Amino acid sequence: MLLKLENIAAGYKDTKVLFGVSLEVNQSEVVALLGSNGAGKTTLLRVISGLIPVQRGKVYWNGEDITNMPAHRRADAGICQIPQNRGILVGLSVKDNLIMGTYNSRTKPKRQQLYEEIVEIFPILKERLNQDAGKLSGGQQQMLAIARALMMEPKLLVLDEPSLGLAPIVVDEVFGIIKSIKDKGASMLLIEQNLLQALGVSDRGYVMETGKIDIEGTSEDLMVNEDIKKAYLGI
């Protein structure tokens, strides 16, 4: 068991957002977390990253209780989150953004090796290494965010709405990259509203509604679930 959330309750000041959420991500597994806006998905990610405290419940990482571990130590341990806004440094070049990914003690000694490996995976970025990241298209910025995260050699990659705001053809490209990362044995938690894309690359999934897990199962089972098809596909 890589990541385990057990009966998590959390929120902001007097506003409760999560009500007893439990989920698991195993080694070399891609898990989709589905739900509409306001379901609590991003709040759950902030709990995983250590950015907001847990009011009730436990967070386990490789069997260790990390409920009270600060965010920077979770990042050092290998939990890497790509936020909705992608978090790239728009005033720096593509190359400098990538290099910034190797700040931790695990990856800094391998900086050049990782850099050479990652730019080969992302040829569109290799062509723009000296370009300011802020001048990239939305799809290219998402590619850069994923590439920089991989520079950290994450043990768990957490992606928050990677398709948000992208044209359909670009979404296909982004999910193609996600699938190629999966095929190399990566562990991922994928937060998405795009049902077909998310379940197409994941092994299992959870559906959140109003701060609770409403449905869970294999991606194949969720894809044919009538309630989910009505809610997300309108059929």
C-alpha atoms as a PDB file:
ATOM      1  CA  MET A   1       0.000   0.000   0.000  1.00  0.00           C
ATOM      2  CA  LEU A   2       1.583   3.282  -1.128  1.00  0.00           C
ATOM      3  CA  LEU A   3      -0.991   5.849   0.028  1.00  0.00           C
ATOM      4  CA  LYS A   4      -3.953   5.250   2.323  1.00  0.00           C
ATOM      5  CA  LEU A   5      -6.502   7.786   3.537  1.00  0.00           C
ATOM      6  CA  GLU A   6      -8.643   6.579   6.397  1.00  0.00           C
ATOM      7  CA  ASN A   7     -11.917   8.311   7.350  1.00  0.00           C
ATOM      8  CA  ILE A   8     -10.640  11.810   6.517  1.00  0.00           C
ATOM      9  CA  ALA A   9     -12.592  14.856   7.640  1.00  0.00           C
ATOM     10  CA  ALA A  10     -11.204  18.299   6.762  1.00  0.00           C
ATOM     11  CA  GLY A  11     -12.155  21.787   5.662  1.00  0.00           C
ATOM     12  CA  TYR A  12     -11.438  25.484   6.073  1.00  0.00           C
ATOM     13  CA  LYS A  13     -12.053  27.191   9.427  1.00  0.00           C
ATOM     14  CA  ASP A  14     -15.713  26.549  10.237  1.00  0.00           C
ATOM     15  CA  THR A  15     -16.558  25.109   6.814  1.00  0.00           C
ATOM     16  CA  LYS A  16     -16.372  21.327   6.588  1.00  0.00           C
ATOM     17  CA  VAL A  17     -15.654  19.974   3.105  1.00  0.00           C
ATOM     18  CA  LEU A  18     -14.698  16.326   3.594  1.00  0.00           C
ATOM     19  CA  PHE A  19     -16.778  13.894   5.616  1.00  0.00           C
ATOM     20  CA  GLY A  20     -15.094  10.554   6.271  1.00  0.00           C
ATOM     21  CA  VAL A  21     -13.224   9.981   2.996  1.00  0.00           C
ATOM     22  CA  SER A  22     -11.201   6.778   2.594  1.00  0.00           C
ATOM     23  CA  LEU A  23      -9.170   5.757  -0.462  1.00  0.00           C
ATOM     24  CA  GLU A  24      -6.035   3.857  -1.406  1.00  0.00           C
ATOM     25  CA  VAL A  25      -3.359   3.976  -4.097  1.00  0.00           C
ATOM     26  CA  ASN A  26      -1.121   0.945  -4.570  1.00  0.00           C
ATOM     27  CA  GLN A  27       2.344   0.781  -6.057  1.00  0.00           C
ATOM     28  CA  SER A  28       2.359   1.124  -9.890  1.00  0.00           C
ATOM     29  CA  GLU A  29      -1.370   1.880  -9.905  1.00  0.00           C
ATOM     30  CA  VAL A  30      -3.269   4.780 -11.454  1.00  0.00           C
ATOM     31  CA  VAL A  31      -6.353   5.779  -9.496  1.00  0.00           C
ATOM     32  CA  ALA A  32      -8.928   8.262 -10.820  1.00  0.00           C
ATOM     33  CA  LEU A  33     -10.817  10.567  -8.482  1.00  0.00           C
ATOM     34  CA  LEU A  34     -13.938  11.833 -10.225  1.00  0.00           C
ATOM     35  CA  GLY A  35     -16.496  14.399  -9.169  1.00  0.00           C
ATOM     36  CA  SER A  36     -18.178  17.634 -10.117  1.00  0.00           C
ATOM     37  CA  ASN A  37     -17.023  21.098  -9.054  1.00  0.00           C
ATOM     38  CA  GLY A  38     -17.428  21.543  -5.332  1.00  0.00           C
ATOM     39  CA  ALA A  39     -17.308  17.818  -4.554  1.00  0.00           C
ATOM     40  CA  GLY A  40     -14.168  18.251  -2.443  1.00  0.00           C
ATOM     41  CA  LYS A  41     -11.551  16.780  -4.770  1.00  0.00           C
ATOM     42  CA  THR A  42      -9.021  19.610  -4.522  1.00  0.00           C
ATOM     43  CA  THR A  43      -9.469  19.818  -0.751  1.00  0.00           C
ATOM     44  CA  LEU A  44      -8.623  16.120  -0.566  1.00  0.00           C
ATOM     45  CA  LEU A  45      -5.465  16.749  -2.584  1.00  0.00           C
ATOM     46  CA  ARG A  46      -4.450  19.485  -0.192  1.00  0.00           C
ATOM     47  CA  VAL A  47      -4.853  17.014   2.663  1.00  0.00           C
ATOM     48  CA  ILE A  48      -2.621  14.510   0.844  1.00  0.00           C
ATOM     49  CA  SER A  49       0.029  17.180   0.222  1.00  0.00           C
ATOM     50  CA  GLY A  50      -0.130  18.412   3.821  1.00  0.00           C
ATOM     51  CA  LEU A  51      -1.349  21.888   2.897  1.00  0.00           C
ATOM     52  CA  ILE A  52      -4.387  21.761   5.186  1.00  0.00           C
ATOM     53  CA  PRO A  53      -4.731  19.892   8.492  1.00  0.00           C
ATOM     54  CA  VAL A  54      -6.860  16.827   9.060  1.00  0.00           C
ATOM     55  CA  GLN A  55      -9.718  17.309  11.504  1.00  0.00           C
ATOM     56  CA  ARG A  56     -10.322  13.587  11.807  1.00  0.00           C
ATOM     57  CA  GLY A  57      -8.807  10.456  10.296  1.00  0.00           C
ATOM     58  CA  LYS A  58      -5.341   9.305   9.242  1.00  0.00           C
ATOM     59  CA  VAL A  59      -3.011   9.601   6.253  1.00  0.00           C
ATOM     60  CA  TYR A  60      -0.575   6.733   5.701  1.00  0.00           C
ATOM     61  CA  TRP A  61       2.418   6.679   3.352  1.00  0.00           C
ATOM     62  CA  ASN A  62       4.124   3.315   2.834  1.00  0.00           C
ATOM     63  CA  GLY A  63       2.483   2.179   6.051  1.00  0.00           C
ATOM     64  CA  GLU A  64       3.761   5.169   8.056  1.00  0.00           C
ATOM     65  CA  ASP A  65       1.352   7.596   9.710  1.00  0.00           C
ATOM     66  CA  ILE A  66       2.114  10.992   8.106  1.00  0.00           C
ATOM     67  CA  THR A  67      -1.082  12.745   9.224  1.00  0.00           C
ATOM     68  CA  ASN A  68       0.908  15.504  10.937  1.00  0.00           C
ATOM     69  CA  MET A  69       3.903  15.537   8.597  1.00  0.00           C
ATOM     70  CA  PRO A  70       4.509  19.007   7.040  1.00  0.00           C
ATOM     71  CA  ALA A  71       4.113  19.549   3.307  1.00  0.00           C
ATOM     72  CA  HIS A  72       7.825  19.949   2.483  1.00  0.00           C
ATOM     73  CA  ARG A  73       8.669  16.613   4.089  1.00  0.00           C
ATOM     74  CA  ARG A  74       5.912  14.888   2.107  1.00  0.00           C
ATOM     75  CA  ALA A  75       7.399  16.321  -1.078  1.00  0.00           C
ATOM     76  CA  ASP A  76      10.835  15.044  -0.059  1.00  0.00           C
ATOM     77  CA  ALA A  77       9.271  11.631   0.597  1.00  0.00           C
ATOM     78  CA  GLY A  78       8.084  11.515  -3.011  1.00  0.00           C
ATOM     79  CA  ILE A  79       4.523  12.887  -3.037  1.00  0.00           C
ATOM     80  CA  CYS A  80       4.421  15.340  -5.932  1.00  0.00           C
ATOM     81  CA  GLN A  81       1.299  17.328  -6.823  1.00  0.00           C
ATOM     82  CA  ILE A  82       0.628  19.214 -10.054  1.00  0.00           C
ATOM     83  CA  PRO A  83      -2.021  21.822  -9.179  1.00  0.00           C
ATOM     84  CA  GLN A  84      -4.795  23.105 -11.425  1.00  0.00           C
ATOM     85  CA  ASN A  85      -2.843  26.265 -12.202  1.00  0.00           C
ATOM     86  CA  ARG A  86       0.151  24.061 -13.133  1.00  0.00           C
ATOM     87  CA  GLY A  87       2.481  26.031 -10.840  1.00  0.00           C
ATOM     88  CA  ILE A  88       5.102  26.784 -13.474  1.00  0.00           C
ATOM     89  CA  LEU A  89       7.359  29.818 -13.096  1.00  0.00           C
ATOM     90  CA  VAL A  90       6.290  31.941 -16.054  1.00  0.00           C
ATOM     91  CA  GLY A  91       9.238  34.347 -15.853  1.00  0.00           C
ATOM     92  CA  LEU A  92      11.810  31.558 -16.176  1.00  0.00           C
ATOM     93  CA  SER A  93      12.797  29.573 -19.240  1.00  0.00           C
ATOM     94  CA  VAL A  94      11.541  26.071 -19.897  1.00  0.00           C
ATOM     95  CA  LYS A  95      14.990  24.708 -19.014  1.00  0.00           C
ATOM     96  CA  ASP A  96      15.153  26.598 -15.726  1.00  0.00           C
ATOM     97  CA  ASN A  97      11.676  25.359 -14.795  1.00  0.00           C
ATOM     98  CA  LEU A  98      12.830  21.800 -15.351  1.00  0.00           C
ATOM     99  CA  ILE A  99      15.992  22.299 -13.319  1.00  0.00           C
ATOM    100  CA  MET A 100      13.880  23.687 -10.457  1.00  0.00           C
ATOM    101  CA  GLY A 101      12.309  20.249 -10.187  1.00  0.00           C
ATOM    102  CA  THR A 102      15.538  18.762  -8.834  1.00  0.00           C
ATOM    103  CA  TYR A 103      15.679  20.681  -5.584  1.00  0.00           C
ATOM    104  CA  ASN A 104      15.409  17.769  -3.163  1.00  0.00           C
ATOM    105  CA  SER A 105      18.256  15.698  -1.768  1.00  0.00           C
ATOM    106  CA  ARG A 106      17.207  12.611  -3.746  1.00  0.00           C
ATOM    107  CA  THR A 107      17.357  14.219  -7.179  1.00  0.00           C
ATOM    108  CA  LYS A 108      19.881  17.057  -6.971  1.00  0.00           C
ATOM    109  CA  PRO A 109      22.909  14.743  -7.474  1.00  0.00           C
ATOM    110  CA  LYS A 110      21.253  13.321 -10.629  1.00  0.00           C
ATOM    111  CA  ARG A 111      20.120  16.659 -12.049  1.00  0.00           C
ATOM    112  CA  GLN A 112      21.867  16.451 -15.425  1.00  0.00           C
ATOM    113  CA  GLN A 113      20.948  12.810 -15.984  1.00  0.00           C
ATOM    114  CA  LEU A 114      17.290  13.448 -15.178  1.00  0.00           C
ATOM    115  CA  TYR A 115      17.240  16.545 -17.368  1.00  0.00           C
ATOM    116  CA  GLU A 116      18.589  14.660 -20.379  1.00  0.00           C
ATOM    117  CA  GLU A 117      16.095  11.837 -19.891  1.00  0.00           C
ATOM    118  CA  ILE A 118      13.052  14.097 -19.446  1.00  0.00           C
ATOM    119  CA  VAL A 119      13.645  16.345 -22.476  1.00  0.00           C
ATOM    120  CA  GLU A 120      13.724  13.232 -24.669  1.00  0.00           C
ATOM    121  CA  ILE A 121      10.233  12.296 -23.417  1.00  0.00           C
ATOM    122  CA  PHE A 122       8.893  15.774 -24.243  1.00  0.00           C
ATOM    123  CA  PRO A 123      10.197  16.778 -27.698  1.00  0.00           C
ATOM    124  CA  ILE A 124       7.880  19.820 -27.815  1.00  0.00           C
ATOM    125  CA  LEU A 125       9.710  21.173 -24.754  1.00  0.00           C
ATOM    126  CA  LYS A 126      13.125  20.250 -26.116  1.00  0.00           C
ATOM    127  CA  GLU A 127      12.452  22.630 -29.004  1.00  0.00           C
ATOM    128  CA  ARG A 128      11.645  25.476 -26.584  1.00  0.00           C
ATOM    129  CA  LEU A 129      14.192  25.106 -23.787  1.00  0.00           C
ATOM    130  CA  ASN A 130      15.264  28.753 -23.876  1.00  0.00           C
ATOM    131  CA  GLN A 131      11.745  30.151 -24.283  1.00  0.00           C
ATOM    132  CA  ASP A 132       9.985  31.812 -21.343  1.00  0.00           C
ATOM    133  CA  ALA A 133       7.499  29.362 -19.842  1.00  0.00           C
ATOM    134  CA  GLY A 134       4.857  32.085 -19.793  1.00  0.00           C
ATOM    135  CA  LYS A 135       4.901  32.200 -23.602  1.00  0.00           C
ATOM    136  CA  LEU A 136       3.994  28.529 -23.990  1.00  0.00           C
ATOM    137  CA  SER A 137       0.492  27.481 -24.964  1.00  0.00           C
ATOM    138  CA  GLY A 138      -1.772  26.010 -22.299  1.00  0.00           C
ATOM    139  CA  GLY A 139      -1.052  22.476 -23.455  1.00  0.00           C
ATOM    140  CA  GLN A 140       2.691  23.083 -23.523  1.00  0.00           C
ATOM    141  CA  GLN A 141       2.540  24.535 -20.013  1.00  0.00           C
ATOM    142  CA  GLN A 142       0.771  21.394 -18.817  1.00  0.00           C
ATOM    143  CA  MET A 143       3.471  19.299 -20.458  1.00  0.00           C
ATOM    144  CA  LEU A 144       6.094  21.396 -18.672  1.00  0.00           C
ATOM    145  CA  ALA A 145       4.336  20.947 -15.327  1.00  0.00           C
ATOM    146  CA  ILE A 146       4.323  17.169 -15.784  1.00  0.00           C
ATOM    147  CA  ALA A 147       7.936  17.140 -16.982  1.00  0.00           C
ATOM    148  CA  ARG A 148       9.110  19.212 -14.016  1.00  0.00           C
ATOM    149  CA  ALA A 149       7.257  16.882 -11.645  1.00  0.00           C
ATOM    150  CA  LEU A 150       9.020  13.892 -13.201  1.00  0.00           C
ATOM    151  CA  MET A 151      12.356  15.614 -12.556  1.00  0.00           C
ATOM    152  CA  MET A 152      11.558  15.081  -8.867  1.00  0.00           C
ATOM    153  CA  GLU A 153      11.377  11.296  -9.412  1.00  0.00           C
ATOM    154  CA  PRO A 154       8.037  11.166  -7.609  1.00  0.00           C
ATOM    155  CA  LYS A 155       6.897   7.983  -5.930  1.00  0.00           C
ATOM    156  CA  LEU A 156       3.333   9.239  -6.315  1.00  0.00           C
ATOM    157  CA  LEU A 157       2.317  11.784  -8.937  1.00  0.00           C
ATOM    158  CA  VAL A 158      -0.897  13.636  -8.091  1.00  0.00           C
ATOM    159  CA  LEU A 159      -2.504  15.485 -11.013  1.00  0.00           C
ATOM    160  CA  ASP A 160      -5.305  17.972 -10.373  1.00  0.00           C
ATOM    161  CA  GLU A 161      -7.515  18.417 -13.466  1.00  0.00           C
ATOM    162  CA  PRO A 162      -4.779  18.108 -16.138  1.00  0.00           C
ATOM    163  CA  SER A 163      -7.334  18.619 -18.939  1.00  0.00           C
ATOM    164  CA  LEU A 164      -8.741  21.855 -17.494  1.00  0.00           C
ATOM    165  CA  GLY A 165      -9.026  24.614 -20.107  1.00  0.00           C
ATOM    166  CA  LEU A 166      -7.380  22.631 -22.901  1.00  0.00           C
ATOM    167  CA  ALA A 167      -8.689  21.992 -26.412  1.00  0.00           C
ATOM    168  CA  PRO A 168      -9.787  18.388 -27.061  1.00  0.00           C
ATOM    169  CA  ILE A 169      -6.839  17.597 -29.334  1.00  0.00           C
ATOM    170  CA  VAL A 170      -4.427  18.892 -26.679  1.00  0.00           C
ATOM    171  CA  VAL A 171      -6.226  16.865 -23.991  1.00  0.00           C
ATOM    172  CA  ASP A 172      -5.530  13.763 -26.084  1.00  0.00           C
ATOM    173  CA  GLU A 173      -1.833  14.670 -26.188  1.00  0.00           C
ATOM    174  CA  VAL A 174      -1.658  15.247 -22.422  1.00  0.00           C
ATOM    175  CA  PHE A 175      -3.375  11.954 -21.651  1.00  0.00           C
ATOM    176  CA  GLY A 176      -1.083  10.225 -24.120  1.00  0.00           C
ATOM    177  CA  ILE A 177       1.837  11.404 -21.974  1.00  0.00           C
ATOM    178  CA  ILE A 178       0.043  10.270 -18.801  1.00  0.00           C
ATOM    179  CA  LYS A 179      -0.475   6.817 -20.324  1.00  0.00           C
ATOM    180  CA  SER A 180       3.180   6.569 -21.324  1.00  0.00           C
ATOM    181  CA  ILE A 181       4.172   7.423 -17.741  1.00  0.00           C
ATOM    182  CA  LYS A 182       1.766   4.773 -16.466  1.00  0.00           C
ATOM    183  CA  ASP A 183       3.258   2.186 -18.829  1.00  0.00           C
ATOM    184  CA  LYS A 184       6.635   2.768 -17.153  1.00  0.00           C
ATOM    185  CA  GLY A 185       5.164   1.696 -13.809  1.00  0.00           C
ATOM    186  CA  ALA A 186       4.411   5.073 -12.239  1.00  0.00           C
ATOM    187  CA  SER A 187       1.923   5.454  -9.398  1.00  0.00           C
ATOM    188  CA  MET A 188      -0.615   8.241  -9.918  1.00  0.00           C
ATOM    189  CA  LEU A 189      -3.713   9.777  -8.405  1.00  0.00           C
ATOM    190  CA  LEU A 190      -5.604  11.533 -11.166  1.00  0.00           C
ATOM    191  CA  ILE A 191      -8.303  14.091 -10.348  1.00  0.00           C
ATOM    192  CA  GLU A 192     -10.519  14.735 -13.345  1.00  0.00           C
ATOM    193  CA  GLN A 193     -13.973  15.731 -14.573  1.00  0.00           C
ATOM    194  CA  ASN A 194     -13.280  14.190 -17.981  1.00  0.00           C
ATOM    195  CA  LEU A 195     -14.704  10.751 -17.266  1.00  0.00           C
ATOM    196  CA  LEU A 196     -13.654   8.983 -20.454  1.00  0.00           C
ATOM    197  CA  GLN A 197     -10.065  10.199 -20.403  1.00  0.00           C
ATOM    198  CA  ALA A 198      -9.586   9.535 -16.693  1.00  0.00           C
ATOM    199  CA  LEU A 199     -11.032   6.029 -16.699  1.00  0.00           C
ATOM    200  CA  GLY A 200      -9.222   5.282 -19.948  1.00  0.00           C
ATOM    201  CA  VAL A 201      -5.808   5.493 -18.257  1.00  0.00           C
ATOM    202  CA  SER A 202      -6.665   4.397 -14.703  1.00  0.00           C
ATOM    203  CA  ASP A 203      -6.937   1.015 -12.996  1.00  0.00           C
ATOM    204  CA  ARG A 204      -9.524   1.966 -10.378  1.00  0.00           C
ATOM    205  CA  GLY A 205     -11.643   4.978  -9.562  1.00  0.00           C
ATOM    206  CA  TYR A 206     -13.557   6.788  -6.861  1.00  0.00           C
ATOM    207  CA  VAL A 207     -16.488   9.151  -7.403  1.00  0.00           C
ATOM    208  CA  MET A 208     -16.888  11.999  -4.901  1.00  0.00           C
ATOM    209  CA  GLU A 209     -20.102  13.861  -4.170  1.00  0.00           C
ATOM    210  CA  THR A 210     -20.429  16.593  -1.512  1.00  0.00           C
ATOM    211  CA  GLY A 211     -17.337  15.576   0.405  1.00  0.00           C
ATOM    212  CA  LYS A 212     -17.900  11.822   0.439  1.00  0.00           C
ATOM    213  CA  ILE A 213     -16.941   8.846  -1.708  1.00  0.00           C
ATOM    214  CA  ASP A 214     -20.182   7.894  -3.416  1.00  0.00           C
ATOM    215  CA  ILE A 215     -19.021   5.075  -5.719  1.00  0.00           C
ATOM    216  CA  GLU A 216     -15.797   3.119  -6.145  1.00  0.00           C
ATOM    217  CA  GLY A 217     -14.659   0.272  -8.354  1.00  0.00           C
ATOM    218  CA  THR A 218     -12.475  -0.778 -11.246  1.00  0.00           C
ATOM    219  CA  SER A 219     -12.290   1.622 -14.160  1.00  0.00           C
ATOM    220  CA  GLU A 220     -14.052  -0.924 -16.359  1.00  0.00           C
ATOM    221  CA  ASP A 221     -16.971  -1.182 -13.919  1.00  0.00           C
ATOM    222  CA  LEU A 222     -17.252   2.581 -13.497  1.00  0.00           C
ATOM    223  CA  MET A 223     -17.227   3.100 -17.254  1.00  0.00           C
ATOM    224  CA  VAL A 224     -20.441   1.075 -17.630  1.00  0.00           C
ATOM    225  CA  ASN A 225     -22.118   2.256 -14.419  1.00  0.00           C
ATOM    226  CA  GLU A 226     -25.500   3.685 -15.419  1.00  0.00           C
ATOM    227  CA  ASP A 227     -25.577   6.341 -12.679  1.00  0.00           C
ATOM    228  CA  ILE A 228     -22.165   7.629 -13.677  1.00  0.00           C
ATOM    229  CA  LYS A 229     -23.039   7.633 -17.392  1.00  0.00           C
ATOM    230  CA  LYS A 230     -26.130   9.720 -16.673  1.00  0.00           C
ATOM    231  CA  ALA A 231     -24.260  12.162 -14.434  1.00  0.00           C
ATOM    232  CA  TYR A 232     -21.159  12.651 -16.597  1.00  0.00           C
ATOM    233  CA  LEU A 233     -22.124  11.697 -20.125  1.00  0.00           C
ATOM    234  CA  GLY A 234     -25.780  12.661 -20.166  1.00  0.00           C
ATOM    235  CA  ILE A 235     -26.862   9.228 -21.403  1.00  0.00           C
END
